[in-house]
C-alpha atoms as a PDB file:
ATOM      1  CA  MET A   1     -35.619   6.571 -12.232  1.00  0.00           C
ATOM      2  CA  ASN A   2     -32.468   8.712 -12.247  1.00  0.00           C
ATOM      3  CA  MET A   3     -28.907   7.591 -12.749  1.00  0.00           C
ATOM      4  CA  PRO A   4     -27.308   7.026  -9.319  1.00  0.00           C
ATOM      5  CA  PRO A   5     -24.648   9.502  -8.191  1.00  0.00           C
ATOM      6  CA  ASN A   6     -20.947   8.633  -8.292  1.00  0.00           C
ATOM      7  CA  PRO A   7     -19.570  10.227  -5.099  1.00  0.00           C
ATOM      8  CA  PHE A   8     -16.008   8.983  -5.634  1.00  0.00           C
ATOM      9  CA  LEU A   9     -15.803  10.596  -9.054  1.00  0.00           C
ATOM     10  CA  GLU A  10     -17.557  13.769  -7.894  1.00  0.00           C
ATOM     11  CA  ASN A  11     -15.169  14.164  -4.957  1.00  0.00           C
ATOM     12  CA  LEU A  12     -12.154  13.390  -7.125  1.00  0.00           C
ATOM     13  CA  ARG A  13     -13.090  16.007  -9.698  1.00  0.00           C
ATOM     14  CA  ALA A  14     -13.801  18.533  -6.933  1.00  0.00           C
ATOM     15  CA  GLY A  15     -10.408  17.946  -5.321  1.00  0.00           C
ATOM     16  CA  ARG A  16     -11.770  16.513  -2.068  1.00  0.00           C
ATOM     17  CA  GLN A  17      -9.417  13.970  -0.503  1.00  0.00           C
ATOM     18  CA  GLN A  18     -10.659  10.422   0.058  1.00  0.00           C
ATOM     19  CA  SER A  19      -9.427   7.480   2.123  1.00  0.00           C
ATOM     20  CA  GLY A  20      -9.813   3.934   0.878  1.00  0.00           C
ATOM     21  CA  PHE A  21      -9.475   0.250   1.702  1.00  0.00           C
ATOM     22  CA  TRP A  22      -8.786  -2.870  -0.387  1.00  0.00           C
ATOM     23  CA  VAL A  23     -11.431  -5.615  -0.626  1.00  0.00           C
ATOM     24  CA  SER A  24      -9.596  -8.742  -1.740  1.00  0.00           C
ATOM     25  CA  LEU A  25     -11.285 -11.694  -0.032  1.00  0.00           C
ATOM     26  CA  ALA A  26     -13.699 -12.321  -2.925  1.00  0.00           C
ATOM     27  CA  ASN A  27     -16.713 -12.513  -0.667  1.00  0.00           C
ATOM     28  CA  ASN A  28     -19.805 -10.356  -0.256  1.00  0.00           C
ATOM     29  CA  LEU A  29     -19.910 -10.839   3.519  1.00  0.00           C
ATOM     30  CA  SER A  30     -16.348  -9.627   4.050  1.00  0.00           C
ATOM     31  CA  ALA A  31     -17.133  -6.665   1.788  1.00  0.00           C
ATOM     32  CA  GLU A  32     -20.169  -5.897   3.926  1.00  0.00           C
ATOM     33  CA  VAL A  33     -18.100  -6.051   7.119  1.00  0.00           C
ATOM     34  CA  VAL A  34     -15.849  -3.188   5.997  1.00  0.00           C
ATOM     35  CA  ALA A  35     -18.511  -1.257   4.077  1.00  0.00           C
ATOM     36  CA  SER A  36     -19.758   0.434   7.253  1.00  0.00           C
ATOM     37  CA  SER A  37     -16.305   1.396   8.514  1.00  0.00           C
ATOM     38  CA  GLY A  38     -16.502   4.884   7.024  1.00  0.00           C
ATOM     39  CA  PHE A  39     -13.977   4.701   4.195  1.00  0.00           C
ATOM     40  CA  ASP A  40     -14.750   6.978   1.278  1.00  0.00           C
ATOM     41  CA  TRP A  41     -14.023   4.211  -1.223  1.00  0.00           C
ATOM     42  CA  LEU A  42     -13.472   0.476  -1.331  1.00  0.00           C
ATOM     43  CA  LEU A  43     -11.458  -1.259  -4.024  1.00  0.00           C
ATOM     44  CA  VAL A  44     -13.003  -4.536  -5.166  1.00  0.00           C
ATOM     45  CA  ASP A  45     -10.041  -6.438  -6.568  1.00  0.00           C
ATOM     46  CA  MET A  46     -10.099  -8.883  -9.455  1.00  0.00           C
ATOM     47  CA  GLU A  47      -6.441  -8.697 -10.460  1.00  0.00           C
ATOM     48  CA  HIS A  48      -4.985 -10.431  -7.404  1.00  0.00           C
ATOM     49  CA  ALA A  49      -8.133 -12.040  -5.989  1.00  0.00           C
ATOM     50  CA  PRO A  50     -10.010 -15.234  -6.995  1.00  0.00           C
ATOM     51  CA  THR A  51     -12.993 -13.154  -8.086  1.00  0.00           C
ATOM     52  CA  ASP A  52     -15.384 -13.483 -11.021  1.00  0.00           C
ATOM     53  CA  VAL A  53     -18.020 -11.048 -12.284  1.00  0.00           C
ATOM     54  CA  MET A  54     -20.856 -12.630 -10.307  1.00  0.00           C
ATOM     55  CA  THR A  55     -18.809 -12.340  -7.111  1.00  0.00           C
ATOM     56  CA  VAL A  56     -18.214  -8.672  -7.898  1.00  0.00           C
ATOM     57  CA  VAL A  57     -21.973  -8.156  -8.248  1.00  0.00           C
ATOM     58  CA  GLY A  58     -22.472  -9.574  -4.750  1.00  0.00           C
ATOM     59  CA  GLN A  59     -19.741  -7.326  -3.365  1.00  0.00           C
ATOM     60  CA  LEU A  60     -21.237  -4.252  -5.045  1.00  0.00           C
ATOM     61  CA  GLN A  61     -24.624  -5.143  -3.583  1.00  0.00           C
ATOM     62  CA  ALA A  62     -23.086  -5.551  -0.124  1.00  0.00           C
ATOM     63  CA  ILE A  63     -21.272  -2.214  -0.291  1.00  0.00           C
ATOM     64  CA  ALA A  64     -24.046  -0.105  -1.841  1.00  0.00           C
ATOM     65  CA  PRO A  65     -26.223   0.618   1.237  1.00  0.00           C
ATOM     66  CA  HIS A  66     -23.379   1.654   3.518  1.00  0.00           C
ATOM     67  CA  GLY A  67     -21.939   4.905   2.154  1.00  0.00           C
ATOM     68  CA  SER A  68     -18.618   3.902   0.611  1.00  0.00           C
ATOM     69  CA  SER A  69     -18.042   4.227  -3.128  1.00  0.00           C
ATOM     70  CA  ALA A  70     -16.925   1.084  -4.931  1.00  0.00           C
ATOM     71  CA  ILE A  71     -14.041   0.942  -7.380  1.00  0.00           C
ATOM     72  CA  VAL A  72     -13.463  -2.312  -9.284  1.00  0.00           C
ATOM     73  CA  ARG A  73     -10.040  -3.349 -10.523  1.00  0.00           C
ATOM     74  CA  PRO A  74     -10.413  -5.706 -13.498  1.00  0.00           C
ATOM     75  CA  PRO A  75      -7.753  -8.379 -13.949  1.00  0.00           C
ATOM     76  CA  TRP A  76      -6.431  -6.609 -17.052  1.00  0.00           C
ATOM     77  CA  ASN A  77      -7.084  -3.735 -19.442  1.00  0.00           C
ATOM     78  CA  ASP A  78      -9.553  -5.862 -21.398  1.00  0.00           C
ATOM     79  CA  ALA A  79     -12.570  -4.342 -23.151  1.00  0.00           C
ATOM     80  CA  VAL A  80     -14.726  -7.465 -22.814  1.00  0.00           C
ATOM     81  CA  MET A  81     -14.229  -7.688 -19.050  1.00  0.00           C
ATOM     82  CA  VAL A  82     -14.758  -3.932 -18.707  1.00  0.00           C
ATOM     83  CA  LYS A  83     -18.056  -4.168 -20.577  1.00  0.00           C
ATOM     84  CA  ARG A  84     -19.278  -6.914 -18.270  1.00  0.00           C
ATOM     85  CA  LEU A  85     -18.270  -5.019 -15.135  1.00  0.00           C
ATOM     86  CA  LEU A  86     -19.924  -1.799 -16.259  1.00  0.00           C
ATOM     87  CA  ASP A  87     -23.091  -3.626 -17.253  1.00  0.00           C
ATOM     88  CA  SER A  88     -23.036  -5.215 -13.796  1.00  0.00           C
ATOM     89  CA  GLY A  89     -23.115  -1.801 -12.155  1.00  0.00           C
ATOM     90  CA  ALA A  90     -19.483  -0.821 -11.594  1.00  0.00           C
ATOM     91  CA  GLN A  91     -19.150   2.971 -11.730  1.00  0.00           C
ATOM     92  CA  ASN A  92     -15.393   3.333 -11.243  1.00  0.00           C
ATOM     93  CA  LEU A  93     -12.566   1.202 -12.641  1.00  0.00           C
ATOM     94  CA  LEU A  94      -8.905   0.999 -11.697  1.00  0.00           C
ATOM     95  CA  PHE A  95      -6.921  -0.308 -14.671  1.00  0.00           C
ATOM     96  CA  PRO A  96      -3.775  -2.262 -13.713  1.00  0.00           C
ATOM     97  CA  MET A  97      -0.358  -2.002 -15.366  1.00  0.00           C
ATOM     98  CA  VAL A  98      -1.062   0.736 -17.926  1.00  0.00           C
ATOM     99  CA  GLN A  99       2.176   1.183 -19.834  1.00  0.00           C
ATOM    100  CA  SER A 100       1.510   3.641 -22.672  1.00  0.00           C
ATOM    101  CA  VAL A 101      -0.694   6.442 -23.925  1.00  0.00           C
ATOM    102  CA  GLU A 102      -2.295   3.937 -26.299  1.00  0.00           C
ATOM    103  CA  GLU A 103      -3.208   1.652 -23.395  1.00  0.00           C
ATOM    104  CA  ALA A 104      -4.666   4.599 -21.479  1.00  0.00           C
ATOM    105  CA  LYS A 105      -6.783   5.474 -24.520  1.00  0.00           C
ATOM    106  CA  ALA A 106      -7.914   1.855 -24.784  1.00  0.00           C
ATOM    107  CA  ALA A 107      -8.984   1.876 -21.124  1.00  0.00           C
ATOM    108  CA  VAL A 108     -11.110   4.964 -21.626  1.00  0.00           C
ATOM    109  CA  ALA A 109     -12.589   3.680 -24.896  1.00  0.00           C
ATOM    110  CA  ALA A 110     -13.713   0.476 -23.189  1.00  0.00           C
ATOM    111  CA  THR A 111     -15.797   2.519 -20.739  1.00  0.00           C
ATOM    112  CA  ARG A 112     -17.475   4.779 -23.326  1.00  0.00           C
ATOM    113  CA  TYR A 113     -20.402   4.181 -25.628  1.00  0.00           C
ATOM    114  CA  PRO A 114     -19.887   5.129 -29.295  1.00  0.00           C
ATOM    115  CA  PRO A 115     -18.882   7.420 -30.802  1.00  0.00           C
ATOM    116  CA  GLU A 116     -16.519   8.224 -27.893  1.00  0.00           C
ATOM    117  CA  GLY A 117     -15.629   4.573 -27.323  1.00  0.00           C
ATOM    118  CA  ILE A 118     -16.374   0.936 -28.014  1.00  0.00           C
ATOM    119  CA  ARG A 119     -18.604  -0.165 -25.128  1.00  0.00           C
ATOM    120  CA  GLY A 120     -21.425  -2.394 -26.337  1.00  0.00           C
ATOM    121  CA  VAL A 121     -24.999  -1.254 -25.708  1.00  0.00           C
ATOM    122  CA  ALA A 122     -27.425  -3.333 -23.657  1.00  0.00           C
ATOM    123  CA  GLY A 123     -30.760  -2.350 -22.164  1.00  0.00           C
ATOM    124  CA  SER A 124     -31.978  -4.535 -19.313  1.00  0.00           C
ATOM    125  CA  ILE A 125     -28.811  -4.713 -17.221  1.00  0.00           C
ATOM    126  CA  ARG A 126     -28.000  -4.017 -13.575  1.00  0.00           C
ATOM    127  CA  ALA A 127     -26.334  -0.698 -14.475  1.00  0.00           C
ATOM    128  CA  THR A 128     -29.644   0.611 -15.863  1.00  0.00           C
ATOM    129  CA  GLN A 129     -31.701  -0.878 -13.023  1.00  0.00           C
ATOM    130  CA  PHE A 130     -32.843  -3.378 -15.650  1.00  0.00           C
ATOM    131  CA  GLY A 131     -34.084  -0.756 -18.056  1.00  0.00           C
ATOM    132  CA  ARG A 132     -35.627   1.573 -15.482  1.00  0.00           C
ATOM    133  CA  ILE A 133     -32.981   4.332 -15.863  1.00  0.00           C
ATOM    134  CA  LYS A 134     -34.162   5.603 -19.229  1.00  0.00           C
ATOM    135  CA  ASP A 135     -31.355   8.129 -19.826  1.00  0.00           C
ATOM    136  CA  TYR A 136     -28.500   5.910 -18.615  1.00  0.00           C
ATOM    137  CA  HIS A 137     -26.892   5.559 -22.035  1.00  0.00           C
ATOM    138  CA  ARG A 138     -26.810   9.323 -22.574  1.00  0.00           C
ATOM    139  CA  GLN A 139     -25.244  10.024 -19.177  1.00  0.00           C
ATOM    140  CA  ALA A 140     -22.937   7.051 -18.624  1.00  0.00           C
ATOM    141  CA  ASN A 141     -19.906   8.295 -20.557  1.00  0.00           C
ATOM    142  CA  ALA A 142     -19.528  11.322 -18.279  1.00  0.00           C
ATOM    143  CA  ASN A 143     -20.171   9.398 -15.074  1.00  0.00           C
ATOM    144  CA  ILE A 144     -17.777   6.432 -15.241  1.00  0.00           C
ATOM    145  CA  GLY A 145     -14.540   6.974 -13.316  1.00  0.00           C
ATOM    146  CA  VAL A 146     -11.326   5.824 -15.005  1.00  0.00           C
ATOM    147  CA  ILE A 147      -8.142   5.517 -12.940  1.00  0.00           C
ATOM    148  CA  ILE A 148      -4.951   4.154 -14.487  1.00  0.00           C
ATOM    149  CA  GLN A 149      -2.198   2.448 -12.537  1.00  0.00           C
ATOM    150  CA  ALA A 150       1.464   3.350 -13.009  1.00  0.00           C
ATOM    151  CA  GLU A 151       3.369   0.276 -11.843  1.00  0.00           C
ATOM    152  CA  THR A 152       6.777   0.427 -13.534  1.00  0.00           C
ATOM    153  CA  GLN A 153       9.532   2.995 -13.826  1.00  0.00           C
ATOM    154  CA  HIS A 154       8.585   3.489 -17.470  1.00  0.00           C
ATOM    155  CA  ALA A 155       4.934   4.091 -16.618  1.00  0.00           C
ATOM    156  CA  VAL A 156       5.945   6.573 -13.929  1.00  0.00           C
ATOM    157  CA  SER A 157       8.155   8.412 -16.433  1.00  0.00           C
ATOM    158  CA  ILE A 158       5.220   8.891 -18.838  1.00  0.00           C
ATOM    159  CA  ALA A 159       2.502   9.277 -16.197  1.00  0.00           C
ATOM    160  CA  HIS A 160       1.832  12.869 -17.252  1.00  0.00           C
ATOM    161  CA  GLU A 161       1.267  11.895 -20.885  1.00  0.00           C
ATOM    162  CA  MET A 162      -1.033   9.026 -19.918  1.00  0.00           C
ATOM    163  CA  ALA A 163      -2.983  11.209 -17.499  1.00  0.00           C
ATOM    164  CA  ALA A 164      -3.509  13.786 -20.260  1.00  0.00           C
ATOM    165  CA  VAL A 165      -5.663  11.296 -22.195  1.00  0.00           C
ATOM    166  CA  ASP A 166      -9.219  12.616 -22.297  1.00  0.00           C
ATOM    167  CA  GLY A 167     -11.328  10.579 -19.897  1.00  0.00           C
ATOM    168  CA  VAL A 168      -8.572   9.601 -17.465  1.00  0.00           C
ATOM    169  CA  ASP A 169      -9.596  10.842 -14.026  1.00  0.00           C
ATOM    170  CA  GLY A 170      -6.435  10.063 -12.090  1.00  0.00           C
ATOM    171  CA  VAL A 171      -3.207   8.108 -11.722  1.00  0.00           C
ATOM    172  CA  PHE A 172      -2.708   5.469  -9.044  1.00  0.00           C
ATOM    173  CA  PHE A 173       0.864   4.492  -8.163  1.00  0.00           C
ATOM    174  CA  GLY A 174       1.486   0.822  -7.306  1.00  0.00           C
ATOM    175  CA  PRO A 175       4.496   0.804  -4.959  1.00  0.00           C
ATOM    176  CA  ALA A 176       4.933  -2.980  -4.840  1.00  0.00           C
ATOM    177  CA  ASP A 177       5.260  -3.353  -8.614  1.00  0.00           C
ATOM    178  CA  ILE A 178       7.291  -0.166  -8.969  1.00  0.00           C
ATOM    179  CA  GLY A 179       9.650  -1.527  -6.335  1.00  0.00           C
ATOM    180  CA  ALA A 180       9.900  -4.875  -8.116  1.00  0.00           C
ATOM    181  CA  ASP A 181      10.709  -3.079 -11.365  1.00  0.00           C
ATOM    182  CA  MET A 182      13.473  -1.192  -9.535  1.00  0.00           C
ATOM    183  CA  GLY A 183      15.006  -4.467  -8.322  1.00  0.00           C
ATOM    184  CA  LEU A 184      13.428  -4.064  -4.882  1.00  0.00           C
ATOM    185  CA  LEU A 185      10.980  -6.971  -4.925  1.00  0.00           C
ATOM    186  CA  GLY A 186       9.152  -7.224  -1.624  1.00  0.00           C
ATOM    187  CA  ALA A 187      10.476  -3.873  -0.442  1.00  0.00           C
ATOM    188  CA  ALA A 188       7.689  -1.472  -1.388  1.00  0.00           C
ATOM    189  CA  ASP A 189       8.398   0.680   1.673  1.00  0.00           C
ATOM    190  CA  THR A 190      11.944   1.498   0.518  1.00  0.00           C
ATOM    191  CA  THR A 191      12.804   5.188   0.415  1.00  0.00           C
ATOM    192  CA  ALA A 192      13.880   5.019  -3.237  1.00  0.00           C
ATOM    193  CA  VAL A 193      10.454   3.727  -4.277  1.00  0.00           C
ATOM    194  CA  TRP A 194       8.569   6.453  -2.462  1.00  0.00           C
ATOM    195  CA  ASP A 195      10.955   9.184  -3.559  1.00  0.00           C
ATOM    196  CA  LEU A 196      10.148   8.295  -7.174  1.00  0.00           C
ATOM    197  CA  ILE A 197       6.409   8.154  -6.499  1.00  0.00           C
ATOM    198  CA  ARG A 198       6.354  11.381  -4.486  1.00  0.00           C
ATOM    199  CA  GLU A 199       8.351  13.363  -7.030  1.00  0.00           C
ATOM    200  CA  THR A 200       6.131  12.313  -9.933  1.00  0.00           C
ATOM    201  CA  ALA A 201       2.887  12.675  -7.987  1.00  0.00           C
ATOM    202  CA  ALA A 202       3.804  16.219  -6.943  1.00  0.00           C
ATOM    203  CA  LYS A 203       4.407  17.182 -10.564  1.00  0.00           C
ATOM    204  CA  LEU A 204       1.069  15.694 -11.599  1.00  0.00           C
ATOM    205  CA  ARG A 205      -0.808  17.483  -8.842  1.00  0.00           C
ATOM    206  CA  ALA A 206       0.817  20.763  -9.806  1.00  0.00           C
ATOM    207  CA  ASP A 207      -0.947  20.358 -13.146  1.00  0.00           C
ATOM    208  CA  GLY A 208      -4.266  19.472 -11.543  1.00  0.00           C
ATOM    209  CA  ILE A 209      -4.013  15.715 -12.084  1.00  0.00           C
ATOM    210  CA  ARG A 210      -5.432  13.598  -9.265  1.00  0.00           C
ATOM    211  CA  THR A 211      -3.096  11.053  -7.666  1.00  0.00           C
ATOM    212  CA  GLY A 212      -3.615   8.001  -5.508  1.00  0.00           C
ATOM    213  CA  THR A 213      -1.703   5.118  -3.981  1.00  0.00           C
ATOM    214  CA  LEU A 214      -1.729   2.410  -1.308  1.00  0.00           C
ATOM    215  CA  SER A 215       0.215   1.988   1.919  1.00  0.00           C
ATOM    216  CA  THR A 216      -0.616  -0.688   4.471  1.00  0.00           C
ATOM    217  CA  ASN A 217       1.094   1.423   7.135  1.00  0.00           C
ATOM    218  CA  PRO A 218      -1.741   3.690   8.341  1.00  0.00           C
ATOM    219  CA  ASP A 219       0.651   6.369   9.612  1.00  0.00           C
ATOM    220  CA  HIS A 220       2.354   6.457   6.232  1.00  0.00           C
ATOM    221  CA  ALA A 221      -1.002   6.492   4.453  1.00  0.00           C
ATOM    222  CA  ALA A 222      -2.101   9.463   6.579  1.00  0.00           C
ATOM    223  CA  SER A 223       1.140  11.290   5.806  1.00  0.00           C
ATOM    224  CA  LEU A 224       0.555  10.789   2.083  1.00  0.00           C
ATOM    225  CA  LEU A 225      -2.802  12.521   2.395  1.00  0.00           C
ATOM    226  CA  GLU A 226      -1.109  15.316   4.318  1.00  0.00           C
ATOM    227  CA  GLU A 227       1.368  15.657   1.439  1.00  0.00           C
ATOM    228  CA  GLY A 228      -1.508  16.169  -0.981  1.00  0.00           C
ATOM    229  CA  PHE A 229      -2.366  12.789  -2.481  1.00  0.00           C
ATOM    230  CA  ASP A 230      -6.019  12.805  -3.480  1.00  0.00           C
ATOM    231  CA  PHE A 231      -7.050   9.216  -2.724  1.00  0.00           C
ATOM    232  CA  VAL A 232      -5.081   6.799  -0.565  1.00  0.00           C
ATOM    233  CA  ALA A 233      -5.832   3.257   0.567  1.00  0.00           C
ATOM    234  CA  CYS A 234      -4.519   2.371   4.022  1.00  0.00           C
ATOM    235  CA  GLY A 235      -4.944  -1.397   4.119  1.00  0.00           C
ATOM    236  CA  LEU A 236      -6.595  -4.525   2.803  1.00  0.00           C
ATOM    237  CA  ASP A 237      -9.036  -6.956   4.341  1.00  0.00           C
ATOM    238  CA  SER A 238      -6.857 -10.080   4.141  1.00  0.00           C
ATOM    239  CA  ASP A 239      -3.919  -8.277   5.766  1.00  0.00           C
ATOM    240  CA  VAL A 240      -6.044  -6.842   8.580  1.00  0.00           C
ATOM    241  CA  LEU A 241      -7.604 -10.261   9.234  1.00  0.00           C
ATOM    242  CA  ALA A 242      -4.255 -12.068   9.192  1.00  0.00           C
ATOM    243  CA  LYS A 243      -2.529  -9.586  11.498  1.00  0.00           C
ATOM    244  CA  GLY A 244      -5.503  -9.447  13.851  1.00  0.00           C
ATOM    245  CA  ALA A 245      -5.720 -13.235  14.061  1.00  0.00           C
ATOM    246  CA  ASP A 246      -1.950 -13.534  14.591  1.00  0.00           C
ATOM    247  CA  ALA A 247      -2.046 -11.010  17.433  1.00  0.00           C
ATOM    248  CA  LEU A 248      -4.933 -12.808  19.161  1.00  0.00           C
ATOM    249  CA  ALA A 249      -3.287 -16.214  18.753  1.00  0.00           C
ATOM    250  CA  ALA A 250       0.014 -14.900  20.148  1.00  0.00           C
ATOM    251  CA  LYS A 251      -1.783 -13.446  23.171  1.00  0.00           C
ATOM    252  CA  MET A 252      -3.504 -16.758  23.904  1.00  0.00           C
ATOM    253  CA  ARG A 253      -0.284 -18.751  23.468  1.00  0.00           C
ATOM    254  CA  LYS A 254       1.392 -16.441  25.940  1.00  0.00           C
ATOM    255  CA  ALA A 255      -1.477 -16.894  28.416  1.00  0.00           C
ATOM    256  CA  MET A 256      -1.015 -20.658  28.156  1.00  0.00           C
ATOM    257  CA  GLY A 257       2.768 -20.417  28.580  1.00  0.00           C
ATOM    258  CA  LYS A 258       3.444 -21.691  25.075  1.00  0.00           C
ATOM    259  CA  ASP A 259       5.671 -18.763  24.066  1.00  0.00           C
END
C-alpha cells in the first residue's frame, strides 16, 4: 500500500490557489455535510472548538471520501498533541499563535521523525493504515504540511524570518487576533488590519512564500484570492448555520406578523 497523496500540500508547493472553509462544530456529520461542497481544503479546528483527538479522527474519516483536503489546527504548538494528530492521520497542520523563529522550528520538529525532528515512531497507527504502508516513515517528513499562523503585530513583523524556517510551507494571517493586538478587538474587518496583512503578505509572496488567511465575507475572500493570496477560507460552519437559521426564523416571524 502506498502513502496517500497530500493534494493541499502539492497544490500549495505548485502555486495553485485554493479556497477553504472552517469546520468548527466538533462533529463528524457536520464535517461530512460540507465535505462535498467543493472546497479545496477544510480546516478542522481544535483551538477554538470543543474537539478532542477522537473527534478529529471521525471528522477526517467523514471528509476523506469527498475530495477536500483536511488541515487540522491543534490547540497549541505542542509536540505531544502534534504526534497524536499525525499518528491519527492528519497530513497538514495549522499552528496557532507562532511568535518566534524558535517556535516555528519547534512546530516543524514536532512533525518530523529523527534526525530532522522529534516525532515519536509508531507502527500500527491510522497514518500508516495500521502498518500496511510499509514506507510511511521514510516518506512522511516530506509529505506533512506545516502552516504557521501570524496573529500579532510582532509575528507579522517577523513573518519572513519565521517562514524561512526549513519545513514551513506557508504563513496564515489571523485577522481577528491581529486586530485585537492592534486595539481593534472585534473589528477584524477594519482597514488598518487588512492594510498590515496585505502589505506583509505581498512581500512574502514576492519571495515565493505562500500566504493564507480567513474572511467570512465571501466577496472579500474572493478579492483576496484575486490579489494573490494562495489559500483563503471564506467562512465557517457555525457562522453559516447561525446566519442561515436566523434568516429563516426572521422570514417566518414576518409571515406570522410578529416583526
